[in-house]
Amino acid sequence: MREETRLFAYGTLLSGTGDRVLDRWIPRHLEDRGPGEVRGWAGRIGPWPALRLDPRGRRVRGRILRIREPERTLARLDDYEEFAPNDPERSLYLRTEVLVRRPGGREARCWIYVAGPAARWIGRGCGGVSVSS
């Protein structure tokens, strides 16, 4: 059996993108698989939540989501997140794989969108992103 394709979401993909069409599309293409956390630093790119992964960082909580129709769904999310797979240096966010810690210590391999090279990073801490030490 093939492993499901998952996304770790921590910001607007959970709380609302501000785009009514996309907000209706998300629940049809992403299925909640429960809580998880990664280590890193939460901040902002303009008004949007962002994350920089760092094993020494704080715990950033989010949700593990199963991706239905992974190729098509990731292409749509890449567009929303301004990730250009063929030109990552110009991307606002990057999509990368990460191991997400689940309750009880198990891990799940997930895609995640993190601050990209073209992002203007604004500090640590951000409304809409759950962090703890």
Protein backbone atom coordinates (compact mmCIF):
# COMPACT_ATOMS: atom_id res chain seq x y z
CA MET A 1 0.00 0.00 0.00
CA ARG A 2 1.32 3.42 -1.00
CA GLU A 3 1.90 5.91 1.80
CA GLU A 4 -0.48 8.85 1.73
CA THR A 5 0.82 12.28 0.78
CA ARG A 6 0.51 14.76 3.64
CA LEU A 7 0.90 18.46 4.33
CA PHE A 8 1.71 20.11 7.65
CA ALA A 9 -0.29 23.34 7.90
CA TYR A 10 0.23 25.99 10.58
CA GLY A 11 -1.21 29.25 9.23
CA THR A 12 -3.74 30.53 6.71
CA LEU A 13 -4.43 27.10 5.21
CA LEU A 14 -6.05 26.34 8.58
CA SER A 15 -7.51 29.69 9.56
CA GLY A 16 -8.69 31.05 6.22
CA THR A 17 -6.84 32.44 3.24
CA GLY A 18 -9.10 35.42 2.61
CA ASP A 19 -9.97 33.91 -0.79
CA ARG A 20 -13.52 32.51 -0.55
CA VAL A 21 -13.07 30.22 -3.55
CA LEU A 22 -9.84 28.74 -2.15
CA ASP A 23 -11.32 28.47 1.35
CA ARG A 24 -14.16 26.33 -0.07
CA TRP A 25 -11.70 24.29 -2.17
CA ILE A 26 -9.33 23.42 0.72
CA PRO A 27 -11.64 21.07 2.71
CA ARG A 28 -12.41 19.11 -0.47
CA HIS A 29 -8.71 18.49 -1.15
CA LEU A 30 -7.11 18.37 2.30
CA GLU A 31 -8.35 15.94 4.97
CA ASP A 32 -7.43 16.50 8.63
CA ARG A 33 -5.30 13.69 10.08
CA GLY A 34 -4.71 15.26 13.49
CA PRO A 35 -2.30 17.51 15.35
CA GLY A 36 1.44 17.69 14.93
CA GLU A 37 4.37 19.95 15.63
CA VAL A 38 7.71 20.94 14.16
CA ARG A 39 10.58 22.99 15.57
CA GLY A 40 11.34 26.39 14.17
CA TRP A 41 10.74 30.12 14.34
CA ALA A 42 7.36 31.63 13.52
CA GLY A 43 7.27 35.04 11.93
CA ARG A 44 5.55 36.91 9.14
CA ILE A 45 5.99 37.66 5.48
CA GLY A 46 3.98 40.85 5.27
CA PRO A 47 0.60 39.97 6.82
CA TRP A 48 1.01 36.20 6.32
CA PRO A 49 2.31 33.69 8.87
CA ALA A 50 5.61 32.06 7.99
CA LEU A 51 8.02 29.59 9.49
CA ARG A 52 11.73 28.90 9.40
CA LEU A 53 12.56 25.33 10.41
CA ASP A 54 15.22 24.98 13.10
CA PRO A 55 15.69 21.95 15.40
CA ARG A 56 16.71 24.39 18.18
CA GLY A 57 13.59 26.52 17.64
CA ARG A 58 10.29 26.57 19.45
CA ARG A 59 7.55 24.01 18.99
CA VAL A 60 5.19 25.16 16.25
CA ARG A 61 1.82 23.44 16.36
CA GLY A 62 -0.32 22.73 13.35
CA ARG A 63 -2.38 20.04 11.64
CA ILE A 64 -1.37 17.09 9.50
CA LEU A 65 -3.53 17.00 6.39
CA ARG A 66 -3.89 14.17 3.87
CA ILE A 67 -3.62 15.52 0.34
CA ARG A 68 -6.21 14.21 -2.10
CA GLU A 69 -5.05 14.20 -5.74
CA PRO A 70 -1.51 15.20 -4.67
CA GLU A 71 -0.17 16.38 -8.03
CA ARG A 72 -3.09 18.71 -8.78
CA THR A 73 -3.55 19.83 -5.18
CA LEU A 74 0.12 20.65 -4.63
CA ALA A 75 0.20 22.61 -7.90
CA ARG A 76 -2.74 24.73 -6.69
CA LEU A 77 -1.17 25.24 -3.26
CA ASP A 78 2.20 26.09 -4.84
CA ASP A 79 0.46 28.85 -6.75
CA TYR A 80 -1.24 30.19 -3.62
CA GLU A 81 2.01 30.06 -1.61
CA GLU A 82 3.96 31.69 -4.49
CA PHE A 83 6.32 28.73 -4.70
CA ALA A 84 7.94 28.31 -8.11
CA PRO A 85 9.38 24.76 -8.25
CA ASN A 86 11.49 25.70 -11.29
CA ASP A 87 12.78 28.91 -9.70
CA PRO A 88 12.92 28.49 -5.91
CA GLU A 89 15.22 31.51 -5.42
CA ARG A 90 12.34 33.79 -6.47
CA SER A 91 9.75 32.01 -4.31
CA LEU A 92 7.97 33.69 -1.42
CA TYR A 93 7.56 30.28 0.25
CA LEU A 94 9.39 27.01 -0.35
CA ARG A 95 7.75 23.59 -0.24
CA THR A 96 9.96 21.03 1.46
CA GLU A 97 9.55 17.72 3.29
CA VAL A 98 9.80 17.52 7.05
CA LEU A 99 9.21 14.94 9.76
CA VAL A 100 6.32 16.13 11.92
CA ARG A 101 6.02 14.92 15.49
CA ARG A 102 2.59 13.53 16.38
CA PRO A 103 1.20 13.18 19.91
CA GLY A 104 2.86 10.19 21.55
CA GLY A 105 6.13 10.77 19.68
CA ARG A 106 5.39 9.08 16.34
CA GLU A 107 6.51 10.99 13.25
CA ALA A 108 4.84 11.62 9.90
CA ARG A 109 6.61 12.73 6.72
CA CYS A 110 4.82 15.81 5.37
CA TRP A 111 5.20 18.60 2.89
CA ILE A 112 5.42 22.05 4.49
CA TYR A 113 5.61 25.61 3.17
CA VAL A 114 8.35 27.66 4.84
CA ALA A 115 9.71 31.16 4.28
CA GLY A 116 11.52 31.32 0.94
CA PRO A 117 14.52 33.32 -0.28
CA ALA A 118 12.33 36.08 -1.76
CA ALA A 119 10.50 36.61 1.54
CA ARG A 120 10.92 39.75 3.60
CA TRP A 121 11.00 38.10 7.03
CA ILE A 122 9.40 40.12 9.84
CA GLY A 123 10.62 39.05 13.27
CA ARG A 124 9.74 36.09 15.39
CA GLY A 125 6.26 35.42 16.65
CA CYS A 126 3.11 35.75 14.64
CA GLY A 127 -0.59 35.83 15.28
CA GLY A 128 -2.30 32.74 13.93
CA VAL A 129 0.67 30.42 14.55
CA SER A 130 0.69 28.39 17.78
CA VAL A 131 4.17 28.21 19.34
CA SER A 132 5.60 27.10 22.67
CA SER A 133 9.05 26.41 24.13
